[in-house]
Amino acid sequence: MNSLEDWELRMMELEEKLQPIAKRPVDITRPGWFERLQAGAPPLDEAGVRDAAERLVVEIIAGYAQGTDQTKKAIRRLFQEYESVSWAATLSVPRTTNDGLRQHLIFFSIKDQGRDSRDALLTLQEICQDARNAGLEIAPVLREIAAMSSDENKYGMGSTRQMFLRRC
């Protein structure tokens, strides 16, 4: 079985466990809703899948970085299709080291703006600010990851590749 097939099977299993959490309604008209949301367990912990999800994401990041354009496109499709996994998956490495920054930017490239380019831009700004605050030189890493990113303007606010290049 190739890695893409294995990754998809594992994502399907994670999706099944994370979807009820991701799709659970939140009543934002109820006082204290945000505090209750913040006080709850992170979705990966609530579903009991943190280790499996983190291992999978690390494998996929490595495969994406070394993969062909076709492989990269297939990986981006997985994260588009398995919305709950894409929503809940995180990296435990800090953004404040060169390797951590690179991993976070590759993961951003994989998610390819998710469902909302405005949220994606805010996330990218936060990643870059954390790295800058740590004294990292981010422009070379942004250019490297831009080269492996999608050039599709999905939502009219530019492609993921353009988002990276504008931050340089």
N, C-alpha and C. Protein backbone atom coordinates (compact mmCIF):
# COMPACT_ATOMS: atom_id res chain seq x y z
N MET A 1 0.86 -1.18 0.00
CA MET A 1 0.00 0.00 0.00
C MET A 1 0.90 1.24 0.00
N ASN A 2 0.62 2.19 -0.88
CA ASN A 2 1.46 3.39 -0.89
C ASN A 2 1.07 4.33 0.24
N SER A 3 1.91 5.29 0.49
CA SER A 3 1.71 6.21 1.61
C SER A 3 0.39 6.96 1.50
N LEU A 4 0.04 7.42 0.30
CA LEU A 4 -1.21 8.17 0.15
C LEU A 4 -2.42 7.34 0.55
N GLU A 5 -2.44 6.09 0.14
CA GLU A 5 -3.57 5.22 0.52
C GLU A 5 -3.60 5.00 2.02
N ASP A 6 -2.43 4.75 2.60
CA ASP A 6 -2.32 4.56 4.05
C ASP A 6 -2.76 5.81 4.79
N TRP A 7 -2.27 6.96 4.35
CA TRP A 7 -2.64 8.22 4.99
C TRP A 7 -4.15 8.46 4.91
N GLU A 8 -4.73 8.16 3.75
CA GLU A 8 -6.17 8.38 3.61
C GLU A 8 -6.95 7.46 4.54
N LEU A 9 -6.56 6.22 4.65
CA LEU A 9 -7.25 5.30 5.56
C LEU A 9 -7.17 5.79 7.00
N ARG A 10 -6.00 6.25 7.39
CA ARG A 10 -5.82 6.76 8.75
C ARG A 10 -6.62 8.05 8.96
N MET A 11 -6.69 8.89 7.93
CA MET A 11 -7.48 10.12 8.04
C MET A 11 -8.97 9.78 8.15
N MET A 12 -9.42 8.76 7.45
CA MET A 12 -10.82 8.34 7.53
C MET A 12 -11.17 7.92 8.96
N GLU A 13 -10.25 7.16 9.58
CA GLU A 13 -10.47 6.73 10.97
C GLU A 13 -10.53 7.92 11.92
N LEU A 14 -9.61 8.87 11.74
CA LEU A 14 -9.60 10.06 12.58
C LEU A 14 -10.85 10.91 12.34
N GLU A 15 -11.24 11.02 11.10
CA GLU A 15 -12.43 11.81 10.74
C GLU A 15 -13.66 11.28 11.47
N GLU A 16 -13.78 9.96 11.51
CA GLU A 16 -14.92 9.33 12.17
C GLU A 16 -14.99 9.70 13.65
N LYS A 17 -13.83 9.81 14.29
CA LYS A 17 -13.79 10.14 15.72
C LYS A 17 -13.90 11.64 15.98
N LEU A 18 -13.41 12.45 15.05
CA LEU A 18 -13.38 13.90 15.27
C LEU A 18 -14.64 14.62 14.77
N GLN A 19 -15.31 14.04 13.80
CA GLN A 19 -16.46 14.73 13.20
C GLN A 19 -17.55 15.09 14.21
N PRO A 20 -17.92 14.19 15.14
CA PRO A 20 -18.96 14.58 16.11
C PRO A 20 -18.56 15.80 16.95
N ILE A 21 -17.28 15.94 17.21
CA ILE A 21 -16.79 17.08 17.99
C ILE A 21 -16.78 18.33 17.11
N ALA A 22 -16.28 18.18 15.89
CA ALA A 22 -16.18 19.32 14.96
C ALA A 22 -17.56 19.86 14.57
N LYS A 23 -18.53 18.98 14.47
CA LYS A 23 -19.87 19.38 14.01
C LYS A 23 -20.82 19.69 15.15
N ARG A 24 -20.35 19.56 16.38
CA ARG A 24 -21.21 19.83 17.54
C ARG A 24 -21.60 21.31 17.54
N PRO A 25 -22.88 21.61 17.69
CA PRO A 25 -23.29 23.01 17.66
C PRO A 25 -22.80 23.78 18.89
N VAL A 26 -22.51 25.04 18.68
CA VAL A 26 -22.12 25.94 19.77
C VAL A 26 -23.12 27.10 19.75
N ASP A 27 -23.80 27.28 20.85
CA ASP A 27 -24.80 28.35 20.95
C ASP A 27 -24.09 29.64 21.39
N ILE A 28 -23.77 30.48 20.42
CA ILE A 28 -23.03 31.72 20.72
C ILE A 28 -23.93 32.81 21.32
N THR A 29 -25.23 32.52 21.42
CA THR A 29 -26.12 33.50 22.06
C THR A 29 -26.20 33.28 23.57
N ARG A 30 -25.68 32.15 24.02
CA ARG A 30 -25.71 31.81 25.44
C ARG A 30 -24.54 32.47 26.16
N PRO A 31 -24.81 33.21 27.24
CA PRO A 31 -23.71 33.87 27.97
C PRO A 31 -22.65 32.86 28.42
N GLY A 32 -21.39 33.26 28.28
CA GLY A 32 -20.27 32.42 28.72
C GLY A 32 -19.89 31.32 27.74
N TRP A 33 -20.45 31.36 26.53
CA TRP A 33 -20.18 30.29 25.55
C TRP A 33 -18.70 30.18 25.23
N PHE A 34 -18.03 31.31 25.07
CA PHE A 34 -16.62 31.29 24.68
C PHE A 34 -15.75 30.73 25.79
N GLU A 35 -16.03 31.11 27.02
CA GLU A 35 -15.27 30.61 28.16
C GLU A 35 -15.44 29.10 28.30
N ARG A 36 -16.66 28.61 28.11
CA ARG A 36 -16.91 27.16 28.17
C ARG A 36 -16.15 26.44 27.06
N LEU A 37 -16.14 27.04 25.90
CA LEU A 37 -15.44 26.44 24.76
C LEU A 37 -13.95 26.34 25.05
N GLN A 38 -13.39 27.43 25.59
CA GLN A 38 -11.96 27.45 25.92
C GLN A 38 -11.61 26.48 27.04
N ALA A 39 -12.51 26.27 27.97
CA ALA A 39 -12.26 25.41 29.12
C ALA A 39 -12.33 23.93 28.76
N GLY A 40 -12.94 23.61 27.64
CA GLY A 40 -13.09 22.21 27.23
C GLY A 40 -11.76 21.63 26.77
N ALA A 41 -11.72 20.31 26.69
CA ALA A 41 -10.52 19.62 26.21
C ALA A 41 -10.32 19.91 24.73
N PRO A 42 -9.07 20.02 24.29
CA PRO A 42 -8.83 20.16 22.84
C PRO A 42 -9.43 18.96 22.10
N PRO A 43 -9.93 19.17 20.90
CA PRO A 43 -10.62 18.10 20.17
C PRO A 43 -9.82 16.80 20.04
N LEU A 44 -8.51 16.90 19.78
CA LEU A 44 -7.71 15.68 19.64
C LEU A 44 -7.68 14.89 20.94
N ASP A 45 -7.67 15.59 22.07
CA ASP A 45 -7.66 14.92 23.37
C ASP A 45 -9.04 14.35 23.70
N GLU A 46 -10.07 15.13 23.42
CA GLU A 46 -11.44 14.66 23.68
C GLU A 46 -11.73 13.38 22.90
N ALA A 47 -11.24 13.30 21.67
CA ALA A 47 -11.46 12.12 20.83
C ALA A 47 -10.46 10.99 21.15
N GLY A 48 -9.43 11.30 21.94
CA GLY A 48 -8.42 10.30 22.29
C GLY A 48 -7.52 9.92 21.12
N VAL A 49 -7.26 10.89 20.23
CA VAL A 49 -6.49 10.58 19.02
C VAL A 49 -5.25 11.47 18.84
N ARG A 50 -4.85 12.17 19.87
CA ARG A 50 -3.74 13.12 19.71
C ARG A 50 -2.48 12.45 19.14
N ASP A 51 -2.03 11.36 19.74
CA ASP A 51 -0.79 10.72 19.28
C ASP A 51 -0.89 10.27 17.83
N ALA A 52 -1.99 9.61 17.50
CA ALA A 52 -2.18 9.12 16.13
C ALA A 52 -2.23 10.28 15.14
N ALA A 53 -2.93 11.34 15.48
CA ALA A 53 -3.05 12.50 14.59
C ALA A 53 -1.70 13.20 14.41
N GLU A 54 -0.97 13.39 15.51
CA GLU A 54 0.31 14.07 15.40
C GLU A 54 1.31 13.26 14.59
N ARG A 55 1.34 11.95 14.80
CA ARG A 55 2.24 11.09 14.01
C ARG A 55 1.90 11.18 12.53
N LEU A 56 0.60 11.13 12.23
CA LEU A 56 0.16 11.20 10.84
C LEU A 56 0.56 12.53 10.20
N VAL A 57 0.33 13.62 10.90
CA VAL A 57 0.65 14.94 10.35
C VAL A 57 2.16 15.06 10.07
N VAL A 58 2.98 14.57 10.98
CA VAL A 58 4.44 14.64 10.78
C VAL A 58 4.84 13.83 9.54
N GLU A 59 4.25 12.65 9.37
CA GLU A 59 4.53 11.83 8.18
C GLU A 59 4.10 12.54 6.91
N ILE A 60 2.91 13.11 6.95
CA ILE A 60 2.38 13.78 5.76
C ILE A 60 3.22 15.01 5.41
N ILE A 61 3.65 15.76 6.41
CA ILE A 61 4.50 16.93 6.15
C ILE A 61 5.78 16.51 5.44
N ALA A 62 6.40 15.43 5.92
CA ALA A 62 7.63 14.94 5.28
C ALA A 62 7.36 14.49 3.85
N GLY A 63 6.25 13.78 3.66
CA GLY A 63 5.90 13.33 2.31
C GLY A 63 5.59 14.47 1.37
N TYR A 64 4.95 15.48 1.89
CA TYR A 64 4.60 16.67 1.09
C TYR A 64 5.87 17.40 0.67
N ALA A 65 6.78 17.59 1.60
CA ALA A 65 8.01 18.33 1.31
C ALA A 65 8.86 17.64 0.25
N GLN A 66 8.82 16.32 0.22
CA GLN A 66 9.65 15.56 -0.72
C GLN A 66 8.89 15.08 -1.94
N GLY A 67 7.57 15.28 -1.94
CA GLY A 67 6.72 14.70 -2.99
C GLY A 67 6.71 15.48 -4.29
N THR A 68 6.18 14.83 -5.28
CA THR A 68 5.98 15.46 -6.59
C THR A 68 4.81 16.45 -6.48
N ASP A 69 4.62 17.23 -7.52
CA ASP A 69 3.47 18.15 -7.55
C ASP A 69 2.17 17.36 -7.44
N GLN A 70 2.10 16.19 -8.06
CA GLN A 70 0.91 15.35 -8.01
C GLN A 70 0.66 14.87 -6.58
N THR A 71 1.71 14.48 -5.88
CA THR A 71 1.59 14.05 -4.48
C THR A 71 1.11 15.20 -3.61
N LYS A 72 1.69 16.37 -3.81
CA LYS A 72 1.28 17.55 -3.03
C LYS A 72 -0.20 17.86 -3.24
N LYS A 73 -0.63 17.80 -4.48
CA LYS A 73 -2.04 18.07 -4.80
C LYS A 73 -2.94 17.03 -4.13
N ALA A 74 -2.54 15.78 -4.13
CA ALA A 74 -3.33 14.71 -3.50
C ALA A 74 -3.41 14.91 -1.99
N ILE A 75 -2.31 15.35 -1.38
CA ILE A 75 -2.31 15.60 0.07
C ILE A 75 -3.22 16.78 0.40
N ARG A 76 -3.15 17.84 -0.39
CA ARG A 76 -4.06 18.99 -0.17
C ARG A 76 -5.51 18.56 -0.29
N ARG A 77 -5.80 17.66 -1.24
CA ARG A 77 -7.16 17.16 -1.41
C ARG A 77 -7.63 16.41 -0.16
N LEU A 78 -6.74 15.61 0.44
CA LEU A 78 -7.10 14.88 1.66
C LEU A 78 -7.55 15.84 2.76
N PHE A 79 -6.80 16.93 2.92
CA PHE A 79 -7.14 17.88 3.98
C PHE A 79 -8.37 18.72 3.63
N GLN A 80 -8.70 18.80 2.36
CA GLN A 80 -9.94 19.46 1.95
C GLN A 80 -11.12 18.52 2.22
N GLU A 81 -10.92 17.25 1.92
CA GLU A 81 -12.00 16.26 2.04
C GLU A 81 -12.30 15.90 3.50
N TYR A 82 -11.26 15.72 4.31
CA TYR A 82 -11.45 15.31 5.70
C TYR A 82 -11.39 16.55 6.59
N GLU A 83 -12.50 17.29 6.55
CA GLU A 83 -12.60 18.61 7.18
C GLU A 83 -12.35 18.58 8.68
N SER A 84 -12.85 17.59 9.37
CA SER A 84 -12.71 17.54 10.83
C SER A 84 -11.26 17.31 11.22
N VAL A 85 -10.57 16.48 10.47
CA VAL A 85 -9.14 16.26 10.73
C VAL A 85 -8.37 17.55 10.47
N SER A 86 -8.66 18.18 9.35
CA SER A 86 -7.99 19.44 9.02
C SER A 86 -8.23 20.50 10.09
N TRP A 87 -9.44 20.56 10.59
CA TRP A 87 -9.81 21.53 11.63
C TRP A 87 -9.10 21.25 12.95
N ALA A 88 -9.01 19.98 13.33
CA ALA A 88 -8.50 19.63 14.66
C ALA A 88 -7.00 19.40 14.72
N ALA A 89 -6.40 18.99 13.61
CA ALA A 89 -4.99 18.62 13.62
C ALA A 89 -4.09 19.80 13.97
N THR A 90 -3.10 19.51 14.79
CA THR A 90 -2.14 20.53 15.21
C THR A 90 -0.74 19.96 15.19
N LEU A 91 0.21 20.84 15.32
CA LEU A 91 1.61 20.45 15.48
C LEU A 91 2.05 20.81 16.88
N SER A 92 2.83 19.92 17.50
CA SER A 92 3.30 20.22 18.85
C SER A 92 4.65 20.93 18.84
N VAL A 93 5.33 20.98 17.69
CA VAL A 93 6.62 21.67 17.62
C VAL A 93 6.39 23.18 17.65
N PRO A 94 7.26 23.91 18.35
CA PRO A 94 7.09 25.37 18.40
C PRO A 94 7.43 26.02 17.06
N ARG A 95 6.80 27.16 16.81
CA ARG A 95 7.06 27.93 15.59
C ARG A 95 8.32 28.78 15.72
N THR A 96 8.96 28.69 16.85
CA THR A 96 10.05 29.60 17.19
C THR A 96 11.43 29.01 16.93
N THR A 97 11.49 27.86 16.24
CA THR A 97 12.76 27.29 15.79
C THR A 97 12.68 27.20 14.27
N ASN A 98 13.81 27.12 13.61
CA ASN A 98 13.79 27.04 12.15
C ASN A 98 13.02 25.81 11.66
N ASP A 99 13.27 24.65 12.31
CA ASP A 99 12.58 23.43 11.90
C ASP A 99 11.08 23.54 12.20
N GLY A 100 10.74 24.06 13.36
CA GLY A 100 9.33 24.22 13.71
C GLY A 100 8.61 25.17 12.77
N LEU A 101 9.25 26.28 12.46
CA LEU A 101 8.66 27.24 11.51
C LEU A 101 8.40 26.57 10.17
N ARG A 102 9.40 25.84 9.69
CA ARG A 102 9.27 25.15 8.40
C ARG A 102 8.08 24.17 8.44
N GLN A 103 7.98 23.39 9.51
CA GLN A 103 6.87 22.43 9.62
C GLN A 103 5.52 23.13 9.64
N HIS A 104 5.41 24.21 10.40
CA HIS A 104 4.14 24.94 10.47
C HIS A 104 3.77 25.54 9.12
N LEU A 105 4.76 26.05 8.39
CA LEU A 105 4.47 26.63 7.08
C LEU A 105 4.11 25.56 6.06
N ILE A 106 4.75 24.40 6.14
CA ILE A 106 4.37 23.31 5.24
C ILE A 106 2.95 22.86 5.55
N PHE A 107 2.61 22.77 6.83
CA PHE A 107 1.26 22.36 7.21
C PHE A 107 0.24 23.39 6.72
N PHE A 108 0.60 24.67 6.80
CA PHE A 108 -0.26 25.74 6.27
C PHE A 108 -0.44 25.53 4.76
N SER A 109 0.64 25.21 4.06
CA SER A 109 0.58 24.97 2.62
C SER A 109 -0.34 23.79 2.31
N ILE A 110 -0.24 22.73 3.11
CA ILE A 110 -1.09 21.54 2.93
C ILE A 110 -2.56 21.90 3.08
N LYS A 111 -2.88 22.70 4.09
CA LYS A 111 -4.29 23.05 4.33
C LYS A 111 -4.82 24.00 3.25
N ASP A 112 -3.93 24.67 2.53
CA ASP A 112 -4.28 25.47 1.35
C ASP A 112 -5.47 26.39 1.60
N GLN A 113 -5.40 27.15 2.66
CA GLN A 113 -6.38 28.16 3.05
C GLN A 113 -7.64 27.57 3.67
N GLY A 114 -7.73 26.27 3.78
CA GLY A 114 -8.90 25.66 4.41
C GLY A 114 -10.19 26.11 3.77
N ARG A 115 -11.14 26.53 4.58
CA ARG A 115 -12.45 26.96 4.09
C ARG A 115 -12.59 28.48 4.02
N ASP A 116 -11.59 29.21 4.51
CA ASP A 116 -11.72 30.68 4.59
C ASP A 116 -10.34 31.32 4.49
N SER A 117 -10.12 32.05 3.42
CA SER A 117 -8.81 32.67 3.22
C SER A 117 -8.52 33.76 4.26
N ARG A 118 -9.56 34.37 4.82
CA ARG A 118 -9.32 35.40 5.85
C ARG A 118 -8.74 34.78 7.11
N ASP A 119 -9.32 33.65 7.54
CA ASP A 119 -8.76 32.93 8.69
C ASP A 119 -7.35 32.46 8.39
N ALA A 120 -7.14 31.99 7.16
CA ALA A 120 -5.81 31.52 6.77
C ALA A 120 -4.78 32.65 6.86
N LEU A 121 -5.15 33.82 6.38
CA LEU A 121 -4.22 34.97 6.45
C LEU A 121 -3.86 35.30 7.90
N LEU A 122 -4.85 35.28 8.78
CA LEU A 122 -4.58 35.55 10.19
C LEU A 122 -3.65 34.50 10.79
N THR A 123 -3.86 33.24 10.44
CA THR A 123 -2.99 32.17 10.92
C THR A 123 -1.57 32.37 10.42
N LEU A 124 -1.42 32.69 9.14
CA LEU A 124 -0.09 32.91 8.57
C LEU A 124 0.60 34.10 9.24
N GLN A 125 -0.13 35.17 9.48
CA GLN A 125 0.44 36.33 10.17
C GLN A 125 0.94 35.94 11.57
N GLU A 126 0.15 35.13 12.27
CA GLU A 126 0.51 34.70 13.62
C GLU A 126 1.77 33.82 13.60
N ILE A 127 1.84 32.89 12.66
CA ILE A 127 3.01 32.02 12.54
C ILE A 127 4.25 32.88 12.29
N CYS A 128 4.16 33.80 11.34
CA CYS A 128 5.30 34.65 10.99
C CYS A 128 5.70 35.56 12.15
N GLN A 129 4.72 36.10 12.85
CA GLN A 129 5.02 36.99 13.98
C GLN A 129 5.74 36.23 15.09
N ASP A 130 5.28 35.03 15.40
CA ASP A 130 5.95 34.21 16.42
C ASP A 130 7.40 33.95 16.04
N ALA A 131 7.63 33.63 14.78
CA ALA A 131 8.98 33.35 14.30
C ALA A 131 9.86 34.60 14.34
N ARG A 132 9.29 35.72 13.90
CA ARG A 132 10.05 36.99 13.95
C ARG A 132 10.40 37.36 15.39
N ASN A 133 9.42 37.20 16.29
CA ASN A 133 9.67 37.51 17.71
C ASN A 133 10.78 36.66 18.29
N ALA A 134 10.96 35.47 17.72
CA ALA A 134 12.02 34.57 18.18
C ALA A 134 13.34 34.87 17.47
N GLY A 135 13.33 35.87 16.59
CA GLY A 135 14.56 36.26 15.90
C GLY A 135 14.88 35.43 14.67
N LEU A 136 13.91 34.70 14.15
CA LEU A 136 14.17 33.86 12.98
C LEU A 136 14.11 34.68 11.69
N GLU A 137 14.90 34.28 10.73
CA GLU A 137 14.90 34.85 9.39
C GLU A 137 13.84 34.08 8.60
N ILE A 138 12.68 34.69 8.37
CA ILE A 138 11.57 33.93 7.79
C ILE A 138 11.50 33.96 6.27
N ALA A 139 12.03 34.99 5.63
CA ALA A 139 11.88 35.13 4.18
C ALA A 139 12.37 33.91 3.40
N PRO A 140 13.56 33.36 3.70
CA PRO A 140 14.00 32.19 2.92
C PRO A 140 13.07 30.98 3.08
N VAL A 141 12.54 30.79 4.27
CA VAL A 141 11.64 29.66 4.51
C VAL A 141 10.31 29.90 3.78
N LEU A 142 9.82 31.13 3.82
CA LEU A 142 8.58 31.46 3.10
C LEU A 142 8.73 31.20 1.60
N ARG A 143 9.88 31.58 1.03
CA ARG A 143 10.11 31.35 -0.40
C ARG A 143 10.18 29.85 -0.71
N GLU A 144 10.86 29.10 0.17
CA GLU A 144 10.97 27.65 -0.02
C GLU A 144 9.59 26.99 -0.03
N ILE A 145 8.75 27.34 0.94
CA ILE A 145 7.45 26.70 1.06
C ILE A 145 6.49 27.24 -0.02
N ALA A 146 6.66 28.49 -0.42
CA ALA A 146 5.83 29.04 -1.51
C ALA A 146 6.02 28.21 -2.77
N ALA A 147 7.24 27.77 -3.02
CA ALA A 147 7.54 27.00 -4.24
C ALA A 147 6.81 25.66 -4.27
N MET A 148 6.45 25.13 -3.11
CA MET A 148 5.74 23.85 -3.07
C MET A 148 4.23 24.02 -2.87
N SER A 149 3.77 25.25 -2.83
CA SER A 149 2.37 25.53 -2.52
C SER A 149 1.51 25.71 -3.77
N SER A 150 0.22 25.62 -3.57
CA SER A 150 -0.75 25.77 -4.65
C SER A 150 -0.75 27.21 -5.18
N ASP A 151 -0.93 27.32 -6.48
CA ASP A 151 -1.03 28.63 -7.11
C ASP A 151 -2.47 28.95 -7.49
N GLU A 152 -3.41 28.14 -6.97
CA GLU A 152 -4.83 28.36 -7.27
C GLU A 152 -5.41 29.44 -6.36
N ASN A 153 -6.06 30.44 -6.97
CA ASN A 153 -6.72 31.50 -6.22
C ASN A 153 -8.13 31.02 -5.89
N LYS A 154 -8.25 30.28 -4.78
CA LYS A 154 -9.49 29.59 -4.44
C LYS A 154 -10.64 30.52 -4.05
N TYR A 155 -10.32 31.61 -3.37
CA TYR A 155 -11.39 32.45 -2.79
C TYR A 155 -11.30 33.91 -3.22
N GLY A 156 -10.46 34.21 -4.20
CA GLY A 156 -10.37 35.58 -4.69
C GLY A 156 -9.45 36.48 -3.88
N MET A 157 -8.71 35.90 -2.94
CA MET A 157 -7.77 36.70 -2.14
C MET A 157 -6.32 36.29 -2.42
N GLY A 158 -6.11 35.60 -3.52
CA GLY A 158 -4.78 35.14 -3.88
C GLY A 158 -4.57 33.68 -3.51
N SER A 159 -3.58 33.09 -4.13
CA SER A 159 -3.26 31.69 -3.86
C SER A 159 -2.43 31.58 -2.58
N THR A 160 -2.29 30.36 -2.10
CA THR A 160 -1.44 30.13 -0.93
C THR A 160 0.00 30.53 -1.27
N ARG A 161 0.46 30.21 -2.47
CA ARG A 161 1.80 30.61 -2.89
C ARG A 161 1.96 32.13 -2.80
N GLN A 162 0.96 32.86 -3.30
CA GLN A 162 1.02 34.33 -3.24
C GLN A 162 1.01 34.84 -1.81
N MET A 163 0.24 34.20 -0.94
CA MET A 163 0.22 34.59 0.47
C MET A 163 1.62 34.51 1.08
N PHE A 164 2.31 33.43 0.79
CA PHE A 164 3.67 33.28 1.31
C PHE A 164 4.60 34.35 0.75
N LEU A 165 4.53 34.57 -0.56
CA LEU A 165 5.45 35.51 -1.20
C LEU A 165 5.19 36.96 -0.74
N ARG A 166 3.94 37.29 -0.45
CA ARG A 166 3.64 38.64 0.04
C ARG A 166 4.22 38.88 1.43
N ARG A 167 4.42 37.83 2.20
CA ARG A 167 4.93 37.96 3.58
C ARG A 167 6.46 38.09 3.62
N CYS A 168 7.12 37.81 2.50
CA CYS A 168 8.60 37.82 2.47
C CYS A 168 9.16 39.18 2.78
